Amino acid sequence: METKEYRPPVRRKKRRKPRRKRRPGLLSRIRQMMSLYNLVILAIIIAGVYFIGGRLHRVWEIREDMTQTLQQEQLLRDENTRLKAQYDKLNDPDEISREAREQFGLAKPDEIPYKP
């Protein structure tokens, strides 16, 4: 019988798990994502928000001014109504004679003036 030579078992290299790549930091991820296209889109969005915000602010100012104008108009209408009533009242001859008696102490020819 022939003896076979002893051969130690062949050691196979262990398969290493592939190394996980380190996740890049936040800044490097942002830089990768921010291509020229994304920057243009971002600039358009920022400009749109700026212009629309400005317009909305202007509309808000105009609305506030309109409210004040309407309040002032109502006050002027009330004053105008009051002045028209006073004008009509002062055009009445009886009212004119009453005012003349009260303010200036005047009397009709057959009356005796009295001042308290």
PDB file of N, CA and C in Angstrom:
ATOM      1  N   MET A   1       0.787  -1.140   0.000  1.00  0.00           N
ATOM      2  CA  MET A   1       0.000   0.000   0.000  1.00  0.00           C
ATOM      3  C   MET A   1       0.859   1.243   0.000  1.00  0.00           C
ATOM      4  N   GLU A   2       0.373   1.966  -0.712  1.00  0.00           N
ATOM      5  CA  GLU A   2       1.134   3.187  -0.839  1.00  0.00           C
ATOM      6  C   GLU A   2       0.615   4.186   0.176  1.00  0.00           C
ATOM      7  N   THR A   3       1.484   4.858   0.755  1.00  0.00           N
ATOM      8  CA  THR A   3       1.056   5.868   1.716  1.00  0.00           C
ATOM      9  C   THR A   3       1.026   7.224   1.024  1.00  0.00           C
ATOM     10  N   LYS A   4       0.036   7.850   1.282  1.00  0.00           N
ATOM     11  CA  LYS A   4      -0.102   9.177   0.705  1.00  0.00           C
ATOM     12  C   LYS A   4       0.527  10.169   1.654  1.00  0.00           C
ATOM     13  N   GLU A   5       1.113  11.096   1.050  1.00  0.00           N
ATOM     14  CA  GLU A   5       1.728  12.131   1.878  1.00  0.00           C
ATOM     15  C   GLU A   5       0.634  12.993   2.499  1.00  0.00           C
ATOM     16  N   TYR A   6       0.959  13.356   3.674  1.00  0.00           N
ATOM     17  CA  TYR A   6      -0.003  14.202   4.386  1.00  0.00           C
ATOM     18  C   TYR A   6       0.104  15.620   3.858  1.00  0.00           C
ATOM     19  N   ARG A   7      -1.033  16.091   3.486  1.00  0.00           N
ATOM     20  CA  ARG A   7      -1.099  17.485   3.038  1.00  0.00           C
ATOM     21  C   ARG A   7      -2.019  18.240   3.974  1.00  0.00           C
ATOM     22  N   PRO A   8      -1.491  19.312   4.504  1.00  0.00           N
ATOM     23  CA  PRO A   8      -2.388  20.084   5.366  1.00  0.00           C
ATOM     24  C   PRO A   8      -3.499  20.703   4.519  1.00  0.00           C
ATOM     25  N   PRO A   9      -4.648  20.875   5.106  1.00  0.00           N
ATOM     26  CA  PRO A   9      -5.753  21.429   4.328  1.00  0.00           C
ATOM     27  C   PRO A   9      -5.407  22.859   3.847  1.00  0.00           C
ATOM     28  N   VAL A  10      -5.858  23.121   2.691  1.00  0.00           N
ATOM     29  CA  VAL A  10      -5.602  24.427   2.092  1.00  0.00           C
ATOM     30  C   VAL A  10      -6.502  25.463   2.773  1.00  0.00           C
ATOM     31  N   ARG A  11      -5.830  26.439   3.248  1.00  0.00           N
ATOM     32  CA  ARG A  11      -6.618  27.492   3.890  1.00  0.00           C
ATOM     33  C   ARG A  11      -7.087  28.476   2.841  1.00  0.00           C
ATOM     34  N   ARG A  12      -8.333  28.608   2.835  1.00  0.00           N
ATOM     35  CA  ARG A  12      -8.881  29.591   1.904  1.00  0.00           C
ATOM     36  C   ARG A  12      -9.014  30.911   2.632  1.00  0.00           C
ATOM     37  N   LYS A  13      -8.802  31.946   1.896  1.00  0.00           N
ATOM     38  CA  LYS A  13      -8.937  33.265   2.497  1.00  0.00           C
ATOM     39  C   LYS A  13     -10.417  33.516   2.765  1.00  0.00           C
ATOM     40  N   LYS A  14     -10.625  34.063   3.911  1.00  0.00           N
ATOM     41  CA  LYS A  14     -12.007  34.386   4.235  1.00  0.00           C
ATOM     42  C   LYS A  14     -12.443  35.540   3.354  1.00  0.00           C
ATOM     43  N   ARG A  15     -13.644  35.417   2.956  1.00  0.00           N
ATOM     44  CA  ARG A  15     -14.185  36.526   2.167  1.00  0.00           C
ATOM     45  C   ARG A  15     -14.531  37.662   3.125  1.00  0.00           C
ATOM     46  N   ARG A  16     -13.977  38.751   2.822  1.00  0.00           N
ATOM     47  CA  ARG A  16     -14.307  39.908   3.646  1.00  0.00           C
ATOM     48  C   ARG A  16     -15.577  40.540   3.107  1.00  0.00           C
ATOM     49  N   LYS A  17     -16.334  40.998   4.042  1.00  0.00           N
ATOM     50  CA  LYS A  17     -17.516  41.734   3.619  1.00  0.00           C
ATOM     51  C   LYS A  17     -17.024  43.044   3.020  1.00  0.00           C
ATOM     52  N   PRO A  18     -17.671  43.446   1.965  1.00  0.00           N
ATOM     53  CA  PRO A  18     -17.223  44.716   1.395  1.00  0.00           C
ATOM     54  C   PRO A  18     -17.424  45.832   2.427  1.00  0.00           C
ATOM     55  N   ARG A  19     -16.432  46.660   2.501  1.00  0.00           N
ATOM     56  CA  ARG A  19     -16.514  47.767   3.464  1.00  0.00           C
ATOM     57  C   ARG A  19     -17.622  48.719   3.061  1.00  0.00           C
ATOM     58  N   ARG A  20     -18.356  49.061   4.048  1.00  0.00           N
ATOM     59  CA  ARG A  20     -19.398  50.054   3.778  1.00  0.00           C
ATOM     60  C   ARG A  20     -18.729  51.408   3.651  1.00  0.00           C
ATOM     61  N   LYS A  21     -19.116  52.074   2.632  1.00  0.00           N
ATOM     62  CA  LYS A  21     -18.559  53.408   2.445  1.00  0.00           C
ATOM     63  C   LYS A  21     -19.145  54.317   3.510  1.00  0.00           C
ATOM     64  N   ARG A  22     -18.310  55.172   3.999  1.00  0.00           N
ATOM     65  CA  ARG A  22     -18.802  56.115   5.001  1.00  0.00           C
ATOM     66  C   ARG A  22     -19.749  57.086   4.329  1.00  0.00           C
ATOM     67  N   ARG A  23     -20.781  57.348   5.029  1.00  0.00           N
ATOM     68  CA  ARG A  23     -21.731  58.317   4.484  1.00  0.00           C
ATOM     69  C   ARG A  23     -21.079  59.679   4.502  1.00  0.00           C
ATOM     70  N   PRO A  24     -21.174  60.377   3.403  1.00  0.00           N
ATOM     71  CA  PRO A  24     -20.560  61.705   3.382  1.00  0.00           C
ATOM     72  C   PRO A  24     -21.294  62.633   4.339  1.00  0.00           C
ATOM     73  N   GLY A  25     -20.604  63.656   4.799  1.00  0.00           N
ATOM     74  CA  GLY A  25     -21.188  64.615   5.719  1.00  0.00           C
ATOM     75  C   GLY A  25     -22.277  65.433   5.052  1.00  0.00           C
ATOM     76  N   LEU A  26     -22.959  66.176   5.843  1.00  0.00           N
ATOM     77  CA  LEU A  26     -24.085  66.966   5.350  1.00  0.00           C
ATOM     78  C   LEU A  26     -23.648  67.963   4.282  1.00  0.00           C
ATOM     79  N   LEU A  27     -22.536  68.620   4.517  1.00  0.00           N
ATOM     80  CA  LEU A  27     -22.079  69.614   3.545  1.00  0.00           C
ATOM     81  C   LEU A  27     -21.740  68.987   2.207  1.00  0.00           C
ATOM     82  N   SER A  28     -21.056  67.866   2.243  1.00  0.00           N
ATOM     83  CA  SER A  28     -20.696  67.254   0.961  1.00  0.00           C
ATOM     84  C   SER A  28     -21.934  66.733   0.242  1.00  0.00           C
ATOM     85  N   ARG A  29     -22.916  66.231   1.008  1.00  0.00           N
ATOM     86  CA  ARG A  29     -24.164  65.797   0.365  1.00  0.00           C
ATOM     87  C   ARG A  29     -24.884  66.969  -0.269  1.00  0.00           C
ATOM     88  N   ILE A  30     -24.896  68.103   0.428  1.00  0.00           N
ATOM     89  CA  ILE A  30     -25.559  69.289  -0.124  1.00  0.00           C
ATOM     90  C   ILE A  30     -24.850  69.734  -1.391  1.00  0.00           C
ATOM     91  N   ARG A  31     -23.531  69.717  -1.366  1.00  0.00           N
ATOM     92  CA  ARG A  31     -22.777  70.115  -2.555  1.00  0.00           C
ATOM     93  C   ARG A  31     -23.071  69.194  -3.731  1.00  0.00           C
ATOM     94  N   GLN A  32     -23.210  67.908  -3.443  1.00  0.00           N
ATOM     95  CA  GLN A  32     -23.502  66.974  -4.519  1.00  0.00           C
ATOM     96  C   GLN A  32     -24.894  67.225  -5.088  1.00  0.00           C
ATOM     97  N   MET A  33     -25.838  67.511  -4.220  1.00  0.00           N
ATOM     98  CA  MET A  33     -27.212  67.709  -4.670  1.00  0.00           C
ATOM     99  C   MET A  33     -27.381  69.036  -5.390  1.00  0.00           C
ATOM    100  N   MET A  34     -26.600  70.002  -4.991  1.00  0.00           N
ATOM    101  CA  MET A  34     -26.764  71.337  -5.545  1.00  0.00           C
ATOM    102  C   MET A  34     -26.056  71.480  -6.885  1.00  0.00           C
ATOM    103  N   SER A  35     -26.636  70.901  -7.842  1.00  0.00           N
ATOM    104  CA  SER A  35     -26.088  71.090  -9.177  1.00  0.00           C
ATOM    105  C   SER A  35     -26.546  72.452  -9.664  1.00  0.00           C
ATOM    106  N   LEU A  36     -26.098  72.831 -10.799  1.00  0.00           N
ATOM    107  CA  LEU A  36     -26.478  74.129 -11.356  1.00  0.00           C
ATOM    108  C   LEU A  36     -27.990  74.221 -11.534  1.00  0.00           C
ATOM    109  N   TYR A  37     -28.594  73.124 -11.942  1.00  0.00           N
ATOM    110  CA  TYR A  37     -30.038  73.098 -12.130  1.00  0.00           C
ATOM    111  C   TYR A  37     -30.757  73.399 -10.821  1.00  0.00           C
ATOM    112  N   ASN A  38     -30.345  72.747  -9.753  1.00  0.00           N
ATOM    113  CA  ASN A  38     -30.987  72.970  -8.465  1.00  0.00           C
ATOM    114  C   ASN A  38     -30.782  74.395  -7.982  1.00  0.00           C
ATOM    115  N   LEU A  39     -29.600  74.937  -8.231  1.00  0.00           N
ATOM    116  CA  LEU A  39     -29.346  76.324  -7.822  1.00  0.00           C
ATOM    117  C   LEU A  39     -30.251  77.294  -8.579  1.00  0.00           C
ATOM    118  N   VAL A  40     -30.456  77.042  -9.867  1.00  0.00           N
ATOM    119  CA  VAL A  40     -31.337  77.913 -10.657  1.00  0.00           C
ATOM    120  C   VAL A  40     -32.765  77.822 -10.134  1.00  0.00           C
ATOM    121  N   ILE A  41     -33.232  76.624  -9.877  1.00  0.00           N
ATOM    122  CA  ILE A  41     -34.592  76.439  -9.352  1.00  0.00           C
ATOM    123  C   ILE A  41     -34.726  77.145  -8.002  1.00  0.00           C
ATOM    124  N   LEU A  42     -33.733  76.982  -7.142  1.00  0.00           N
ATOM    125  CA  LEU A  42     -33.762  77.632  -5.829  1.00  0.00           C
ATOM    126  C   LEU A  42     -33.782  79.150  -5.965  1.00  0.00           C
ATOM    127  N   ALA A  43     -32.996  79.689  -6.891  1.00  0.00           N
ATOM    128  CA  ALA A  43     -32.974  81.139  -7.109  1.00  0.00           C
ATOM    129  C   ALA A  43     -34.333  81.634  -7.600  1.00  0.00           C
ATOM    130  N   ILE A  44     -34.961  80.881  -8.481  1.00  0.00           N
ATOM    131  CA  ILE A  44     -36.289  81.268  -8.987  1.00  0.00           C
ATOM    132  C   ILE A  44     -37.308  81.258  -7.861  1.00  0.00           C
ATOM    133  N   ILE A  45     -37.249  80.257  -7.016  1.00  0.00           N
ATOM    134  CA  ILE A  45     -38.195  80.172  -5.896  1.00  0.00           C
ATOM    135  C   ILE A  45     -37.982  81.329  -4.932  1.00  0.00           C
ATOM    136  N   ILE A  46     -36.734  81.634  -4.609  1.00  0.00           N
ATOM    137  CA  ILE A  46     -36.449  82.742  -3.682  1.00  0.00           C
ATOM    138  C   ILE A  46     -36.916  84.063  -4.279  1.00  0.00           C
ATOM    139  N   ALA A  47     -36.637  84.280  -5.568  1.00  0.00           N
ATOM    140  CA  ALA A  47     -37.079  85.520  -6.220  1.00  0.00           C
ATOM    141  C   ALA A  47     -38.605  85.601  -6.236  1.00  0.00           C
ATOM    142  N   GLY A  48     -39.276  84.482  -6.512  1.00  0.00           N
ATOM    143  CA  GLY A  48     -40.745  84.476  -6.526  1.00  0.00           C
ATOM    144  C   GLY A  48     -41.321  84.814  -5.168  1.00  0.00           C
ATOM    145  N   VAL A  49     -40.759  84.219  -4.121  1.00  0.00           N
ATOM    146  CA  VAL A  49     -41.236  84.512  -2.764  1.00  0.00           C
ATOM    147  C   VAL A  49     -41.007  85.984  -2.433  1.00  0.00           C
ATOM    148  N   TYR A  50     -39.868  86.513  -2.838  1.00  0.00           N
ATOM    149  CA  TYR A  50     -39.559  87.917  -2.558  1.00  0.00           C
ATOM    150  C   TYR A  50     -40.565  88.839  -3.249  1.00  0.00           C
ATOM    151  N   PHE A  51     -40.789  88.628  -4.552  1.00  0.00           N
ATOM    152  CA  PHE A  51     -41.690  89.507  -5.294  1.00  0.00           C
ATOM    153  C   PHE A  51     -43.139  89.326  -4.867  1.00  0.00           C
ATOM    154  N   ILE A  52     -43.573  88.102  -4.667  1.00  0.00           N
ATOM    155  CA  ILE A  52     -44.957  87.869  -4.240  1.00  0.00           C
ATOM    156  C   ILE A  52     -45.172  88.427  -2.840  1.00  0.00           C
ATOM    157  N   GLY A  53     -44.178  88.241  -1.960  1.00  0.00           N
ATOM    158  CA  GLY A  53     -44.284  88.805  -0.616  1.00  0.00           C
ATOM    159  C   GLY A  53     -44.392  90.316  -0.644  1.00  0.00           C
ATOM    160  N   GLY A  54     -43.610  90.952  -1.519  1.00  0.00           N
ATOM    161  CA  GLY A  54     -43.682  92.406  -1.655  1.00  0.00           C
ATOM    162  C   GLY A  54     -45.041  92.855  -2.147  1.00  0.00           C
ATOM    163  N   ARG A  55     -45.579  92.135  -3.117  1.00  0.00           N
ATOM    164  CA  ARG A  55     -46.903  92.491  -3.648  1.00  0.00           C
ATOM    165  C   ARG A  55     -47.990  92.296  -2.592  1.00  0.00           C
ATOM    166  N   LEU A  56     -47.900  91.201  -1.848  1.00  0.00           N
ATOM    167  CA  LEU A  56     -48.895  90.967  -0.802  1.00  0.00           C
ATOM    168  C   LEU A  56     -48.819  92.045   0.270  1.00  0.00           C
ATOM    169  N   HIS A  57     -47.619  92.478   0.596  1.00  0.00           N
ATOM    170  CA  HIS A  57     -47.463  93.562   1.573  1.00  0.00           C
ATOM    171  C   HIS A  57     -48.109  94.837   1.050  1.00  0.00           C
ATOM    172  N   ARG A  58     -47.912  95.127  -0.238  1.00  0.00           N
ATOM    173  CA  ARG A  58     -48.506  96.327  -0.843  1.00  0.00           C
ATOM    174  C   ARG A  58     -50.032  96.228  -0.835  1.00  0.00           C
ATOM    175  N   VAL A  59     -50.572  95.053  -1.153  1.00  0.00           N
ATOM    176  CA  VAL A  59     -52.031  94.860  -1.129  1.00  0.00           C
ATOM    177  C   VAL A  59     -52.555  95.082   0.286  1.00  0.00           C
ATOM    178  N   TRP A  60     -51.826  94.584   1.284  1.00  0.00           N
ATOM    179  CA  TRP A  60     -52.225  94.766   2.678  1.00  0.00           C
ATOM    180  C   TRP A  60     -52.234  96.251   3.037  1.00  0.00           C
ATOM    181  N   GLU A  61     -51.224  97.012   2.599  1.00  0.00           N
ATOM    182  CA  GLU A  61     -51.183  98.452   2.867  1.00  0.00           C
ATOM    183  C   GLU A  61     -52.353  99.163   2.203  1.00  0.00           C
ATOM    184  N   ILE A  62     -52.647  98.798   0.955  1.00  0.00           N
ATOM    185  CA  ILE A  62     -53.757  99.431   0.229  1.00  0.00           C
ATOM    186  C   ILE A  62     -55.081  99.129   0.921  1.00  0.00           C
ATOM    187  N   ARG A  63     -55.255  97.897   1.381  1.00  0.00           N
ATOM    188  CA  ARG A  63     -56.495  97.529   2.073  1.00  0.00           C
ATOM    189  C   ARG A  63     -56.645  98.330   3.363  1.00  0.00           C
ATOM    190  N   GLU A  64     -55.550  98.488   4.094  1.00  0.00           N
ATOM    191  CA  GLU A  64     -55.581  99.263   5.339  1.00  0.00           C
ATOM    192  C   GLU A  64     -55.925 100.725   5.041  1.00  0.00           C
ATOM    193  N   ASP A  65     -55.319 101.278   3.978  1.00  0.00           N
ATOM    194  CA  ASP A  65     -55.589 102.660   3.580  1.00  0.00           C
ATOM    195  C   ASP A  65     -57.047 102.813   3.148  1.00  0.00           C
ATOM    196  N   MET A  66     -57.570 101.818   2.444  1.00  0.00           N
ATOM    197  CA  MET A  66     -58.961 101.867   2.001  1.00  0.00           C
ATOM    198  C   MET A  66     -59.912 101.862   3.199  1.00  0.00           C
ATOM    199  N   THR A  67     -59.596 101.066   4.208  1.00  0.00           N
ATOM    200  CA  THR A  67     -60.433 101.022   5.411  1.00  0.00           C
ATOM    201  C   THR A  67     -60.466 102.388   6.087  1.00  0.00           C
ATOM    202  N   GLN A  68     -59.294 103.016   6.213  1.00  0.00           N
ATOM    203  CA  GLN A  68     -59.236 104.339   6.827  1.00  0.00           C
ATOM    204  C   GLN A  68     -60.011 105.359   5.997  1.00  0.00           C
ATOM    205  N   THR A  69     -59.895 105.270   4.675  1.00  0.00           N
ATOM    206  CA  THR A  69     -60.602 106.201   3.798  1.00  0.00           C
ATOM    207  C   THR A  69     -62.111 106.030   3.929  1.00  0.00           C
ATOM    208  N   LEU A  70     -62.575 104.794   4.008  1.00  0.00           N
ATOM    209  CA  LEU A  70     -64.010 104.551   4.160  1.00  0.00           C
ATOM    210  C   LEU A  70     -64.531 105.077   5.498  1.00  0.00           C
ATOM    211  N   GLN A  71     -63.730 104.932   6.556  1.00  0.00           N
ATOM    212  CA  GLN A  71     -64.135 105.474   7.852  1.00  0.00           C
ATOM    213  C   GLN A  71     -64.203 106.997   7.793  1.00  0.00           C
ATOM    214  N   GLN A  72     -63.213 107.609   7.145  1.00  0.00           N
ATOM    215  CA  GLN A  72     -63.200 109.071   7.020  1.00  0.00           C
ATOM    216  C   GLN A  72     -64.389 109.535   6.171  1.00  0.00           C
ATOM    217  N   GLU A  73     -64.700 108.781   5.115  1.00  0.00           N
ATOM    218  CA  GLU A  73     -65.840 109.134   4.278  1.00  0.00           C
ATOM    219  C   GLU A  73     -67.140 109.098   5.087  1.00  0.00           C
ATOM    220  N   GLN A  74     -67.305 108.090   5.933  1.00  0.00           N
ATOM    221  CA  GLN A  74     -68.513 107.986   6.751  1.00  0.00           C
ATOM    222  C   GLN A  74     -68.613 109.159   7.721  1.00  0.00           C
ATOM    223  N   LEU A  75     -67.469 109.527   8.326  1.00  0.00           N
ATOM    224  CA  LEU A  75     -67.479 110.681   9.228  1.00  0.00           C
ATOM    225  C   LEU A  75     -67.875 111.958   8.485  1.00  0.00           C
ATOM    226  N   LEU A  76     -67.355 112.137   7.279  1.00  0.00           N
ATOM    227  CA  LEU A  76     -67.693 113.329   6.491  1.00  0.00           C
ATOM    228  C   LEU A  76     -69.159 113.325   6.058  1.00  0.00           C
ATOM    229  N   ARG A  77     -69.688 112.141   5.737  1.00  0.00           N
ATOM    230  CA  ARG A  77     -71.118 112.065   5.383  1.00  0.00           C
ATOM    231  C   ARG A  77     -71.989 112.449   6.590  1.00  0.00           C
ATOM    232  N   ASP A  78     -71.625 111.962   7.768  1.00  0.00           N
ATOM    233  CA  ASP A  78     -72.378 112.319   8.973  1.00  0.00           C
ATOM    234  C   ASP A  78     -72.323 113.822   9.238  1.00  0.00           C
ATOM    235  N   GLU A  79     -71.114 114.375   9.099  1.00  0.00           N
ATOM    236  CA  GLU A  79     -70.980 115.825   9.323  1.00  0.00           C
ATOM    237  C   GLU A  79     -71.768 116.604   8.275  1.00  0.00           C
ATOM    238  N   ASN A  80     -71.747 116.146   7.030  1.00  0.00           N
ATOM    239  CA  ASN A  80     -72.492 116.807   5.962  1.00  0.00           C
ATOM    240  C   ASN A  80     -73.988 116.778   6.251  1.00  0.00           C
ATOM    241  N   THR A  81     -74.494 115.652   6.712  1.00  0.00           N
ATOM    242  CA  THR A  81     -75.914 115.538   7.065  1.00  0.00           C
ATOM    243  C   THR A  81     -76.260 116.501   8.203  1.00  0.00           C
ATOM    244  N   ARG A  82     -75.379 116.556   9.214  1.00  0.00           N
ATOM    245  CA  ARG A  82     -75.608 117.456  10.344  1.00  0.00           C
ATOM    246  C   ARG A  82     -75.610 118.917   9.886  1.00  0.00           C
ATOM    247  N   LEU A  83     -74.682 119.284   9.009  1.00  0.00           N
ATOM    248  CA  LEU A  83     -74.609 120.666   8.525  1.00  0.00           C
ATOM    249  C   LEU A  83     -75.815 121.021   7.653  1.00  0.00           C
ATOM    250  N   LYS A  84     -76.293 120.081   6.841  1.00  0.00           N
ATOM    251  CA  LYS A  84     -77.495 120.345   6.035  1.00  0.00           C
ATOM    252  C   LYS A  84     -78.700 120.579   6.931  1.00  0.00           C
ATOM    253  N   ALA A  85     -78.807 119.777   7.995  1.00  0.00           N
ATOM    254  CA  ALA A  85     -79.924 119.972   8.931  1.00  0.00           C
ATOM    255  C   ALA A  85     -79.821 121.330   9.609  1.00  0.00           C
ATOM    256  N   GLN A  86     -78.610 121.718   9.985  1.00  0.00           N
ATOM    257  CA  GLN A  86     -78.420 123.030  10.625  1.00  0.00           C
ATOM    258  C   GLN A  86     -78.715 124.153   9.638  1.00  0.00           C
ATOM    259  N   TYR A  87     -78.343 123.994   8.366  1.00  0.00           N
ATOM    260  CA  TYR A  87     -78.621 124.995   7.338  1.00  0.00           C
ATOM    261  C   TYR A  87     -80.120 125.167   7.149  1.00  0.00           C
ATOM    262  N   ASP A  88     -80.826 124.034   7.038  1.00  0.00           N
ATOM    263  CA  ASP A  88     -82.283 124.107   6.874  1.00  0.00           C
ATOM    264  C   ASP A  88     -82.939 124.760   8.088  1.00  0.00           C
ATOM    265  N   LYS A  89     -82.414 124.450   9.272  1.00  0.00           N
ATOM    266  CA  LYS A  89     -82.968 125.011  10.499  1.00  0.00           C
ATOM    267  C   LYS A  89     -82.745 126.526  10.547  1.00  0.00           C
ATOM    268  N   LEU A  90     -81.559 126.964  10.118  1.00  0.00           N
ATOM    269  CA  LEU A  90     -81.252 128.403  10.181  1.00  0.00           C
ATOM    270  C   LEU A  90     -81.926 129.193   9.068  1.00  0.00           C
ATOM    271  N   ASN A  91     -82.452 128.563   8.052  1.00  0.00           N
ATOM    272  CA  ASN A  91     -83.184 129.272   7.004  1.00  0.00           C
ATOM    273  C   ASN A  91     -84.642 129.502   7.380  1.00  0.00           C
ATOM    274  N   ASP A  92     -85.085 128.947   8.470  1.00  0.00           N
ATOM    275  CA  ASP A  92     -86.451 129.143   8.946  1.00  0.00           C
ATOM    276  C   ASP A  92     -86.539 130.515   9.632  1.00  0.00           C
ATOM    277  N   PRO A  93     -87.509 131.398   9.239  1.00  0.00           N
ATOM    278  CA  PRO A  93     -87.594 132.742   9.837  1.00  0.00           C
ATOM    279  C   PRO A  93     -87.827 132.716  11.351  1.00  0.00           C
ATOM    280  N   ASP A  94     -88.604 131.771  11.853  1.00  0.00           N
ATOM    281  CA  ASP A  94     -88.832 131.687  13.302  1.00  0.00           C
ATOM    282  C   ASP A  94     -87.525 131.374  14.034  1.00  0.00           C
ATOM    283  N   GLU A  95     -86.719 130.509  13.458  1.00  0.00           N
ATOM    284  CA  GLU A  95     -85.436 130.152  14.071  1.00  0.00           C
ATOM    285  C   GLU A  95     -84.471 131.337  14.046  1.00  0.00           C
ATOM    286  N   ILE A  96     -84.508 132.105  12.962  1.00  0.00           N
ATOM    287  CA  ILE A  96     -83.624 133.286  12.866  1.00  0.00           C
ATOM    288  C   ILE A  96     -83.981 134.284  13.968  1.00  0.00           C
ATOM    289  N   SER A  97     -85.267 134.536  14.174  1.00  0.00           N
ATOM    290  CA  SER A  97     -85.670 135.492  15.212  1.00  0.00           C
ATOM    291  C   SER A  97     -85.325 134.960  16.610  1.00  0.00           C
ATOM    292  N   ARG A  98     -85.460 133.675  16.841  1.00  0.00           N
ATOM    293  CA  ARG A  98     -85.118 133.096  18.139  1.00  0.00           C
ATOM    294  C   ARG A  98     -83.621 133.244  18.404  1.00  0.00           C
ATOM    295  N   GLU A  99     -82.788 132.938  17.388  1.00  0.00           N
ATOM    296  CA  GLU A  99     -81.335 133.087  17.531  1.00  0.00           C
ATOM    297  C   GLU A  99     -80.962 134.550  17.800  1.00  0.00           C
ATOM    298  N   ALA A 100     -81.641 135.482  17.104  1.00  0.00           N
ATOM    299  CA  ALA A 100     -81.340 136.906  17.305  1.00  0.00           C
ATOM    300  C   ALA A 100     -81.680 137.331  18.728  1.00  0.00           C
ATOM    301  N   ARG A 101     -82.779 136.827  19.276  1.00  0.00           N
ATOM    302  CA  ARG A 101     -83.150 137.160  20.651  1.00  0.00           C
ATOM    303  C   ARG A 101     -82.127 136.600  21.637  1.00  0.00           C
ATOM    304  N   GLU A 102     -81.720 135.331  21.433  1.00  0.00           N
ATOM    305  CA  GLU A 102     -80.804 134.687  22.380  1.00  0.00           C
ATOM    306  C   GLU A 102     -79.398 135.284  22.320  1.00  0.00           C
ATOM    307  N   GLN A 103     -78.858 135.444  21.121  1.00  0.00           N
ATOM    308  CA  GLN A 103     -77.467 135.886  21.002  1.00  0.00           C
ATOM    309  C   GLN A 103     -77.298 137.385  21.219  1.00  0.00           C
ATOM    310  N   PHE A 104     -78.194 138.192  20.678  1.00  0.00           N
ATOM    311  CA  PHE A 104     -77.989 139.640  20.694  1.00  0.00           C
ATOM    312  C   PHE A 104     -78.947 140.401  21.614  1.00  0.00           C
ATOM    313  N   GLY A 105     -79.874 139.700  22.217  1.00  0.00           N
ATOM    314  CA  GLY A 105     -80.809 140.360  23.128  1.00  0.00           C
ATOM    315  C   GLY A 105     -81.819 141.232  22.408  1.00  0.00           C
ATOM    316  N   LEU A 106     -82.128 140.945  21.178  1.00  0.00           N
ATOM    317  CA  LEU A 106     -83.085 141.741  20.407  1.00  0.00           C
ATOM    318  C   LEU A 106     -84.510 141.359  20.811  1.00  0.00           C
ATOM    319  N   ALA A 107     -85.422 142.271  20.560  1.00  0.00           N
ATOM    320  CA  ALA A 107     -86.822 142.018  20.894  1.00  0.00           C
ATOM    321  C   ALA A 107     -87.698 142.551  19.771  1.00  0.00           C
ATOM    322  N   LYS A 108     -88.902 142.033  19.676  1.00  0.00           N
ATOM    323  CA  LYS A 108     -89.868 142.547  18.704  1.00  0.00           C
ATOM    324  C   LYS A 108     -90.362 143.912  19.204  1.00  0.00           C
ATOM    325  N   PRO A 109     -90.967 144.694  18.311  1.00  0.00           N
ATOM    326  CA  PRO A 109     -91.373 146.043  18.728  1.00  0.00           C
ATOM    327  C   PRO A 109     -92.292 146.090  19.943  1.00  0.00           C
ATOM    328  N   ASP A 110     -93.145 145.128  20.162  1.00  0.00           N
ATOM    329  CA  ASP A 110     -94.070 145.195  21.301  1.00  0.00           C
ATOM    330  C   ASP A 110     -93.592 144.350  22.491  1.00  0.00           C
ATOM    331  N   GLU A 111     -92.346 143.831  22.475  1.00  0.00           N
ATOM    332  CA  GLU A 111     -91.832 143.011  23.566  1.00  0.00           C
ATOM    333  C   GLU A 111     -90.866 143.810  24.435  1.00  0.00           C
ATOM    334  N   ILE A 112     -90.722 143.368  25.667  1.00  0.00           N
ATOM    335  CA  ILE A 112     -89.752 143.961  26.596  1.00  0.00           C
ATOM    336  C   ILE A 112     -88.582 142.974  26.713  1.00  0.00           C
ATOM    337  N   PRO A 113     -87.361 143.426  26.361  1.00  0.00           N
ATOM    338  CA  PRO A 113     -86.226 142.499  26.454  1.00  0.00           C
ATOM    339  C   PRO A 113     -85.908 142.153  27.893  1.00  0.00           C
ATOM    340  N   TYR A 114     -85.549 140.893  28.126  1.00  0.00           N
ATOM    341  CA  TYR A 114     -85.225 140.435  29.477  1.00  0.00           C
ATOM    342  C   TYR A 114     -83.954 139.614  29.380  1.00  0.00           C
ATOM    343  N   LYS A 115     -82.943 139.973  30.208  1.00  0.00           N
ATOM    344  CA  LYS A 115     -81.699 139.201  30.260  1.00  0.00           C
ATOM    345  C   LYS A 115     -81.558 138.618  31.640  1.00  0.00           C
ATOM    346  N   PRO A 116     -81.461 137.327  31.753  1.00  0.00           N
ATOM    347  CA  PRO A 116     -81.325 136.721  33.085  1.00  0.00           C
ATOM    348  C   PRO A 116     -79.931 136.903  33.660  1.00  0.00           C
TER     349      PRO A 116
END
